Amino acid sequence: MSVFLLDNTIQHYDWGSPTRLHELLGDTPDGRPAAELWLGAHASAPSLARTPDGDATPLDALVRSAPEAMLGKRISDEYGPRLPYLLKVLAAERALSLQVHPKPHLARAGFNRENRLGVPLTAPERSYRDDQHKPELLLAVTPFEALAGFRNPRTVVALLAGLDGPLVDAVREELARDRTARGIRAAFARLVAARGDEACPVHVAETVASVRARVEAGSAHAVDDAVVLRLAQEHPGDPGAIASLLLNHVRLTPGEAVFLPAGEVHAYLSGVGVEIMASSDNVLRAGLTTKHVDEEALLEAASFEPRPPSAPRRRRTGAHGQSVTFRPPVREFALTDALVDEDEPLALAASGPRTVFCLDGDVVLAAGGTRTSLRRGGSAFVPHDAGKLVVEGAGRVVCAFVP
């Protein structure tokens, strides 16, 4: 069984960087924002899998044609003839939308409901594009910033002290009434609902002006205030800028990772990262976007329990600890980040489907009796029947697999 080189789709969302993904891939920027590179078999944008003789097949079709050979019996029995994870490389020049991904039962119910209503899969008002949940893990390639999960209500109240405006007053009112997850939910709901108010841009501007004044006076909350000002500049009049004060601010250094379970409200702010998730394109947006906001579905799907961001369990291997495997508490995926040295080939996941992306250098994938070269920006799919996978050469790779 051969290893398949991949041709992958770039998604040109408006928050993407016009240069960073192209620099990584070694090709020429075309002036458009390049936001995400999809490496997987999701029906929205499946990779093309190329055999050594040059034949190309969409990866989802390849998996369906021989699920046990591609996935292994255990995985094909559990998930059917589909790759259960989706790997992405993400380059954020501006903030992504404030969003949440549904849990399994909500994804199935929402997808079936919209199908019964006859909402086309590509319709802008569609909330559920498949029936899968979407937990995800983000590994930072460059310094990376994000918002993830809700802060303790007392911390939120302290951050709001001295800020002006009806929206801030509404948040304070809800948290004064209830400093539990119920209060956080009510406060967040007030901000989401404000998007439909004609006076919302004026109210947001009033609060942003008070944040700016606090910064000029020497803010004790300089980092959080800077996020508000940046979001307000990128999305004028959007209450999502104020909602950022309810959320944990996350800063990752290269090599660090954060896990976002389904239901976690989050927004990526800036940086380049590798993202691994259950294979889904379900996004319920809350703000910082011009796209559809489904307030009812969002509030049903989101978790409002205050908690710090989740760092996934990780395990180091290799003689010098140069291979790090992240194992979040989900069944669909895990991710290995490995530095490969010419003096020490590295064995990666030994079975199941594996997707390898070369972040740097030149490496060789030895599997199934074949040797496949990858350079920086190159990627490959290694099927279950290829057996043991060893990476040789010098460089850095990430490998997605099913644990």
Protein backbone atom coordinates (compact mmCIF):
# COMPACT_ATOMS: atom_id res chain seq x y z
CA MET A 1 0.00 0.00 0.00
CA SER A 2 1.55 3.30 -1.09
CA VAL A 3 1.75 6.67 0.62
CA PHE A 4 -0.33 9.36 -1.09
CA LEU A 5 0.99 12.88 -1.63
CA LEU A 6 -1.70 15.50 -1.05
CA ASP A 7 -2.85 18.56 -2.96
CA ASN A 8 -4.82 20.70 -0.51
CA THR A 9 -7.34 23.55 -0.67
CA ILE A 10 -6.60 27.04 0.63
CA GLN A 11 -9.62 28.83 2.12
CA HIS A 12 -9.57 32.56 1.39
CA TYR A 13 -11.43 33.96 4.40
CA ASP A 14 -11.07 37.69 4.98
CA TRP A 15 -9.21 37.31 8.30
CA GLY A 16 -6.35 35.40 6.71
CA SER A 17 -2.80 36.56 6.03
CA PRO A 18 -1.96 37.35 2.39
CA THR A 19 1.60 36.03 2.83
CA ARG A 20 2.17 33.62 5.74
CA LEU A 21 0.62 30.46 4.33
CA HIS A 22 2.23 31.08 0.95
CA GLU A 23 5.63 31.50 2.64
CA LEU A 24 5.15 28.16 4.39
CA LEU A 25 4.06 26.45 1.18
CA GLY A 26 6.83 28.06 -0.88
CA ASP A 27 4.53 29.51 -3.52
CA THR A 28 3.70 33.01 -4.74
CA PRO A 29 1.03 35.10 -2.95
CA ASP A 30 -1.87 36.11 -5.18
CA GLY A 31 -2.98 39.12 -3.13
CA ARG A 32 -5.91 37.35 -1.48
CA PRO A 33 -6.03 36.56 2.25
CA ALA A 34 -4.99 32.92 2.67
CA ALA A 35 -6.61 31.82 5.94
CA GLU A 36 -6.63 28.02 6.15
CA LEU A 37 -5.07 25.06 4.38
CA TRP A 38 -7.37 22.02 4.65
CA LEU A 39 -5.69 18.60 4.74
CA GLY A 40 -8.42 16.01 4.94
CA ALA A 41 -11.50 14.35 3.55
CA HIS A 42 -14.29 16.71 4.55
CA ALA A 43 -16.81 16.93 1.69
CA SER A 44 -16.55 20.75 1.63
CA ALA A 45 -12.91 20.69 0.45
CA PRO A 46 -11.32 17.21 0.26
CA SER A 47 -7.62 16.93 -0.48
CA LEU A 48 -6.51 15.27 -3.69
CA ALA A 49 -4.50 12.10 -3.02
CA ARG A 50 -1.81 11.38 -5.62
CA THR A 51 -0.25 7.98 -6.25
CA PRO A 52 3.41 7.64 -7.30
CA ASP A 53 2.30 7.29 -10.94
CA GLY A 54 0.48 10.64 -10.78
CA ASP A 55 -3.16 9.52 -10.57
CA ALA A 56 -5.25 11.75 -8.28
CA THR A 57 -8.41 10.90 -6.33
CA PRO A 58 -10.32 13.02 -3.79
CA LEU A 59 -9.34 11.72 -0.38
CA ASP A 60 -12.93 11.20 0.77
CA ALA A 61 -13.59 9.01 -2.30
CA LEU A 62 -10.34 7.11 -1.72
CA VAL A 63 -11.33 6.31 1.86
CA ARG A 64 -14.82 5.19 0.80
CA SER A 65 -13.36 2.92 -1.88
CA ALA A 66 -11.40 0.80 0.63
CA PRO A 67 -12.23 1.81 4.22
CA GLU A 68 -10.48 -1.07 5.98
CA ALA A 69 -7.28 -0.63 3.97
CA MET A 70 -7.27 3.14 4.46
CA LEU A 71 -8.50 3.35 8.06
CA GLY A 72 -8.10 -0.08 9.61
CA LYS A 73 -10.96 -2.27 10.83
CA ARG A 74 -11.22 -0.69 14.28
CA ILE A 75 -11.62 2.84 12.94
CA SER A 76 -13.83 1.94 9.97
CA ASP A 77 -16.11 -0.05 12.32
CA GLU A 78 -16.42 2.93 14.68
CA TYR A 79 -16.73 5.79 12.18
CA GLY A 80 -17.76 4.15 8.94
CA PRO A 81 -16.00 4.89 5.63
CA ARG A 82 -14.86 8.39 6.63
CA LEU A 83 -11.70 9.98 7.98
CA PRO A 84 -12.70 11.08 11.50
CA TYR A 85 -10.34 14.07 11.76
CA LEU A 86 -9.52 17.17 9.74
CA LEU A 87 -6.07 18.78 9.82
CA LYS A 88 -5.61 22.46 9.01
CA VAL A 89 -2.83 25.03 8.89
CA LEU A 90 -4.21 28.41 9.93
CA ALA A 91 -2.77 31.91 9.43
CA ALA A 92 -4.72 34.68 11.17
CA GLU A 93 -3.90 38.27 10.28
CA ARG A 94 -7.10 39.50 11.99
CA ALA A 95 -9.44 38.01 14.56
CA LEU A 96 -11.71 35.16 13.55
CA SER A 97 -15.36 35.33 14.50
CA LEU A 98 -16.37 34.75 18.11
CA GLN A 99 -17.77 31.23 17.83
CA VAL A 100 -18.68 27.87 19.30
CA HIS A 101 -18.94 24.35 17.86
CA PRO A 102 -21.84 22.03 18.79
CA LYS A 103 -21.73 18.81 20.77
CA PRO A 104 -22.70 15.56 18.95
CA HIS A 105 -26.43 15.48 19.78
CA LEU A 106 -26.90 19.13 18.84
CA ALA A 107 -24.98 18.70 15.59
CA ARG A 108 -27.17 15.78 14.54
CA ALA A 109 -30.40 17.51 15.55
CA GLY A 110 -29.46 20.82 13.93
CA PHE A 111 -28.27 19.24 10.69
CA ASN A 112 -31.41 17.12 10.35
CA ARG A 113 -33.66 20.08 11.22
CA GLU A 114 -32.14 22.33 8.55
CA ASN A 115 -32.34 19.49 6.02
CA ARG A 116 -36.06 19.07 6.74
CA LEU A 117 -36.53 22.81 6.28
CA GLY A 118 -34.81 22.59 2.90
CA VAL A 119 -31.98 25.03 3.75
CA PRO A 120 -29.25 24.48 1.10
CA LEU A 121 -25.89 23.34 2.48
CA THR A 122 -24.19 26.39 0.98
CA ALA A 123 -26.81 28.92 2.13
CA PRO A 124 -25.32 31.78 4.21
CA GLU A 125 -28.08 31.36 6.80
CA ARG A 126 -27.21 27.68 7.29
CA SER A 127 -25.85 26.90 10.79
CA TYR A 128 -25.14 23.15 10.50
CA ARG A 129 -23.22 21.92 7.44
CA ASP A 130 -22.80 18.34 8.69
CA ASP A 131 -23.92 16.14 11.58
CA GLN A 132 -20.62 16.01 13.48
CA HIS A 133 -19.33 17.68 16.62
CA LYS A 134 -16.11 19.68 16.41
CA PRO A 135 -13.70 19.60 19.34
CA GLU A 136 -10.33 21.00 18.24
CA LEU A 137 -6.71 21.46 19.25
CA LEU A 138 -4.49 24.37 18.17
CA LEU A 139 -0.69 23.98 18.11
CA ALA A 140 1.16 27.30 17.82
CA VAL A 141 3.75 27.53 15.04
CA THR A 142 4.40 31.23 15.71
CA PRO A 143 3.38 33.25 18.79
CA PHE A 144 -0.38 32.85 18.84
CA GLU A 145 -3.20 34.75 20.58
CA ALA A 146 -6.74 33.58 21.25
CA LEU A 147 -9.79 33.99 23.44
CA ALA A 148 -11.03 30.72 24.95
CA GLY A 149 -13.67 29.97 27.58
CA PHE A 150 -15.23 32.24 30.20
CA ARG A 151 -13.43 33.94 33.04
CA ASN A 152 -14.56 33.85 36.64
CA PRO A 153 -17.43 36.39 37.02
CA ARG A 154 -15.55 38.27 39.74
CA THR A 155 -12.65 38.78 37.36
CA VAL A 156 -15.06 40.09 34.70
CA VAL A 157 -16.58 42.58 37.17
CA ALA A 158 -13.09 43.85 38.04
CA LEU A 159 -12.24 44.28 34.33
CA LEU A 160 -15.41 46.29 33.75
CA ALA A 161 -14.80 48.69 36.63
CA GLY A 162 -14.73 52.28 35.37
CA LEU A 163 -15.99 51.47 31.87
CA ASP A 164 -19.00 53.31 30.47
CA GLY A 165 -21.96 52.41 28.28
CA PRO A 166 -25.32 50.59 28.37
CA LEU A 167 -23.84 47.27 27.25
CA VAL A 168 -21.27 47.23 30.04
CA ASP A 169 -24.03 48.23 32.47
CA ALA A 170 -26.12 45.27 31.23
CA VAL A 171 -23.25 42.84 31.83
CA ARG A 172 -22.67 44.24 35.33
CA GLU A 173 -26.39 43.98 36.06
CA GLU A 174 -26.54 40.30 35.11
CA LEU A 175 -23.39 39.41 37.07
CA ALA A 176 -24.58 41.32 40.12
CA ARG A 177 -27.76 39.23 40.01
CA ASP A 178 -25.99 35.88 39.56
CA ARG A 179 -22.24 35.21 39.67
CA THR A 180 -22.48 31.65 38.37
CA ALA A 181 -22.58 30.20 34.86
CA ARG A 182 -26.21 31.37 34.65
CA GLY A 183 -25.11 34.96 35.12
CA ILE A 184 -22.36 34.60 32.53
CA ARG A 185 -24.90 33.16 30.09
CA ALA A 186 -27.33 36.01 30.68
CA ALA A 187 -24.59 38.64 30.29
CA PHE A 188 -23.26 37.08 27.10
CA ALA A 189 -26.78 36.75 25.70
CA ARG A 190 -27.36 40.47 26.28
CA LEU A 191 -24.26 41.28 24.20
CA VAL A 192 -25.21 38.90 21.37
CA ALA A 193 -28.77 40.25 21.27
CA ALA A 194 -27.48 43.83 21.07
CA ARG A 195 -26.35 43.21 17.48
CA GLY A 196 -29.94 43.74 16.37
CA ASP A 197 -30.27 47.12 18.08
CA GLU A 198 -29.82 50.21 15.90
CA ALA A 199 -28.12 51.98 18.79
CA CYS A 200 -25.56 49.17 19.24
CA PRO A 201 -22.69 50.87 17.33
CA VAL A 202 -23.10 54.01 19.46
CA HIS A 203 -23.15 51.99 22.68
CA VAL A 204 -20.07 49.99 21.64
CA ALA A 205 -18.24 53.21 20.71
CA GLU A 206 -19.00 54.68 24.15
CA THR A 207 -17.43 51.71 25.90
CA VAL A 208 -14.46 51.62 23.53
CA ALA A 209 -13.83 55.31 24.22
CA SER A 210 -13.72 54.59 27.95
CA VAL A 211 -11.32 51.68 27.37
CA ARG A 212 -9.08 53.99 25.34
CA ALA A 213 -9.17 56.60 28.09
CA ARG A 214 -8.23 53.92 30.64
CA VAL A 215 -5.25 52.90 28.53
CA GLU A 216 -4.08 56.50 28.17
CA ALA A 217 -4.33 56.92 31.95
CA GLY A 218 -2.15 53.86 32.54
CA SER A 219 -4.46 50.85 32.59
CA ALA A 220 -3.98 48.03 35.07
CA HIS A 221 -5.60 45.80 32.43
CA ALA A 222 -3.42 46.81 29.48
CA VAL A 223 -3.40 43.42 27.73
CA ASP A 224 -7.16 42.94 27.85
CA ASP A 225 -7.81 46.56 26.92
CA ALA A 226 -5.52 46.24 23.91
CA VAL A 227 -7.61 43.30 22.69
CA VAL A 228 -10.82 45.35 23.00
CA LEU A 229 -9.30 48.24 21.02
CA ARG A 230 -7.94 45.92 18.32
CA LEU A 231 -11.27 44.12 17.90
CA ALA A 232 -13.17 47.40 17.83
CA GLN A 233 -10.90 48.65 15.06
CA GLU A 234 -11.30 45.44 13.03
CA HIS A 235 -15.07 45.18 13.63
CA PRO A 236 -16.44 48.68 14.35
CA GLY A 237 -19.70 48.68 16.30
CA ASP A 238 -19.60 44.93 17.04
CA PRO A 239 -20.37 44.05 20.70
CA GLY A 240 -17.97 41.12 20.36
CA ALA A 241 -15.21 43.59 21.28
CA ILE A 242 -16.85 44.05 24.69
CA ALA A 243 -17.58 40.31 24.98
CA SER A 244 -13.82 39.69 24.81
CA LEU A 245 -13.61 40.91 28.43
CA LEU A 246 -15.73 37.92 29.51
CA LEU A 247 -13.27 35.44 27.98
CA ASN A 248 -9.84 34.14 28.92
CA HIS A 249 -6.99 35.70 26.95
CA VAL A 250 -4.59 32.99 25.74
CA ARG A 251 -1.02 33.52 24.58
CA LEU A 252 0.82 30.51 23.17
CA THR A 253 4.52 30.34 22.40
CA PRO A 254 5.61 28.14 19.46
CA GLY A 255 5.17 24.48 20.38
CA GLU A 256 2.42 25.11 22.96
CA ALA A 257 -1.14 23.92 22.40
CA VAL A 258 -4.66 24.58 23.64
CA PHE A 259 -7.64 22.21 23.47
CA LEU A 260 -11.14 23.54 22.80
CA PRO A 261 -13.92 21.05 23.57
CA ALA A 262 -17.22 21.30 21.73
CA GLY A 263 -19.25 24.04 23.39
CA GLU A 264 -16.28 26.27 24.25
CA VAL A 265 -16.75 29.88 23.11
CA HIS A 266 -13.54 31.08 21.48
CA ALA A 267 -11.91 33.30 18.88
CA TYR A 268 -8.44 33.09 17.39
CA LEU A 269 -6.86 36.55 17.26
CA SER A 270 -3.52 36.26 15.46
CA GLY A 271 -0.71 33.91 14.52
CA VAL A 272 0.08 30.76 12.56
CA GLY A 273 -0.95 27.40 13.97
CA VAL A 274 -1.72 23.79 13.12
CA GLU A 275 -5.30 22.86 13.97
CA ILE A 276 -6.62 19.34 14.36
CA MET A 277 -10.33 18.67 14.90
CA ALA A 278 -13.12 16.20 14.42
CA SER A 279 -14.02 16.33 10.73
CA SER A 280 -16.73 18.97 10.77
CA ASP A 281 -17.47 22.45 9.40
CA ASN A 282 -20.11 23.41 11.98
CA VAL A 283 -19.57 26.97 13.25
CA LEU A 284 -22.11 28.90 15.36
CA ARG A 285 -21.05 32.54 15.43
CA ALA A 286 -21.60 35.09 18.19
CA GLY A 287 -19.87 38.20 16.86
CA LEU A 288 -16.82 39.76 15.19
CA THR A 289 -18.31 38.78 11.84
CA THR A 290 -20.61 39.88 9.06
CA LYS A 291 -21.78 36.27 8.62
CA HIS A 292 -24.94 34.67 9.96
CA VAL A 293 -25.39 34.70 13.76
CA ASP A 294 -27.87 32.08 15.00
CA GLU A 295 -28.45 33.35 18.53
CA GLU A 296 -30.74 30.52 19.63
CA ALA A 297 -28.44 27.75 18.38
CA LEU A 298 -25.39 29.51 19.81
CA LEU A 299 -26.81 29.82 23.32
CA GLU A 300 -28.03 26.23 23.22
CA ALA A 301 -24.60 24.91 22.20
CA ALA A 302 -22.29 27.02 24.37
CA SER A 303 -20.91 26.12 27.78
CA PHE A 304 -20.84 29.04 30.22
CA GLU A 305 -19.02 27.37 33.09
CA PRO A 306 -16.07 29.61 34.04
CA ARG A 307 -12.79 27.73 33.64
CA PRO A 308 -9.23 28.30 32.45
CA PRO A 309 -8.23 27.19 28.95
CA SER A 310 -7.44 23.49 28.67
CA ALA A 311 -3.88 22.37 27.96
CA PRO A 312 -3.98 18.91 26.33
CA ARG A 313 -2.11 16.01 27.86
CA ARG A 314 1.24 15.57 26.13
CA ARG A 315 3.95 12.93 26.00
CA ARG A 316 7.57 13.37 24.92
CA THR A 317 9.49 10.62 23.13
CA GLY A 318 12.78 10.32 21.26
CA ALA A 319 16.29 10.25 22.70
CA HIS A 320 16.19 14.01 23.27
CA GLY A 321 12.45 14.45 23.78
CA GLN A 322 12.16 15.86 20.28
CA SER A 323 8.76 14.30 19.55
CA VAL A 324 5.72 15.61 21.44
CA THR A 325 2.33 13.93 21.13
CA PHE A 326 -0.78 15.82 22.25
CA ARG A 327 -3.66 13.62 23.42
CA PRO A 328 -6.85 15.59 24.10
CA PRO A 329 -9.81 13.79 25.72
CA VAL A 330 -11.51 12.84 22.44
CA ARG A 331 -11.50 9.67 20.35
CA GLU A 332 -11.20 11.14 16.85
CA PHE A 333 -7.69 12.59 16.85
CA ALA A 334 -4.27 13.15 18.36
CA LEU A 335 -1.32 15.14 17.03
CA THR A 336 2.44 14.60 17.09
CA ASP A 337 4.88 17.49 16.62
CA ALA A 338 8.32 16.07 15.81
CA LEU A 339 11.80 17.42 15.12
CA VAL A 340 13.58 14.94 12.88
CA ASP A 341 17.35 14.55 13.06
CA GLU A 342 19.45 12.83 10.39
CA ASP A 343 21.09 10.74 13.11
CA GLU A 344 17.84 9.48 14.60
CA PRO A 345 14.85 8.47 12.45
CA LEU A 346 11.55 8.78 14.29
CA ALA A 347 8.76 6.21 14.38
CA LEU A 348 5.32 7.83 14.37
CA ALA A 349 1.86 6.29 14.80
CA ALA A 350 2.14 2.68 13.68
CA SER A 351 -1.41 2.05 12.44
CA GLY A 352 -4.63 3.67 11.31
CA PRO A 353 -4.86 6.66 8.96
CA ARG A 354 -2.09 9.26 9.33
CA THR A 355 -1.70 12.70 7.77
CA VAL A 356 1.78 14.24 7.75
CA PHE A 357 2.62 17.87 7.05
CA CYS A 358 6.22 19.11 6.77
CA LEU A 359 6.66 22.42 8.59
CA ASP A 360 10.35 22.73 7.84
CA GLY A 361 13.31 20.98 6.20
CA ASP A 362 13.41 17.88 4.00
CA VAL A 363 12.22 14.51 5.26
CA VAL A 364 11.47 11.04 3.93
CA LEU A 365 8.46 8.95 4.97
CA ALA A 366 9.30 5.26 5.03
CA ALA A 367 6.13 3.13 5.06
CA GLY A 368 4.66 0.19 3.17
CA GLY A 369 7.97 -0.61 1.53
CA THR A 370 8.07 2.84 -0.13
CA ARG A 371 10.03 6.02 0.52
CA THR A 372 8.24 9.33 -0.02
CA SER A 373 10.03 12.68 0.10
CA LEU A 374 8.43 15.75 1.68
CA ARG A 375 9.80 19.27 1.68
CA ARG A 376 8.63 22.28 3.68
CA GLY A 377 4.94 22.78 2.90
CA GLY A 378 4.45 19.24 1.57
CA SER A 379 1.96 16.73 2.94
CA ALA A 380 0.98 13.09 2.63
CA PHE A 381 -1.69 10.61 3.67
CA VAL A 382 -0.40 7.29 5.04
CA PRO A 383 -3.11 4.58 5.01
CA HIS A 384 -3.46 1.90 7.66
CA ASP A 385 -2.28 -0.87 5.33
CA ALA A 386 1.05 0.93 4.81
CA GLY A 387 1.93 -0.25 8.31
CA LYS A 388 4.72 1.22 10.40
CA LEU A 389 5.68 4.83 9.62
CA VAL A 390 9.25 6.11 10.11
CA VAL A 391 10.41 9.65 9.31
CA GLU A 392 14.00 10.23 8.26
CA GLY A 393 16.02 13.30 7.23
CA ALA A 394 16.17 16.69 8.93
CA GLY A 395 13.15 18.89 9.57
CA ARG A 396 9.95 19.32 11.51
CA VAL A 397 6.69 17.48 10.83
CA VAL A 398 3.28 17.21 12.40
CA CYS A 399 1.36 13.94 12.18
CA ALA A 400 -2.40 13.63 12.74
CA PHE A 401 -3.70 10.19 13.72
CA VAL A 402 -6.53 8.38 15.51
CA PRO A 403 -5.39 7.20 18.95
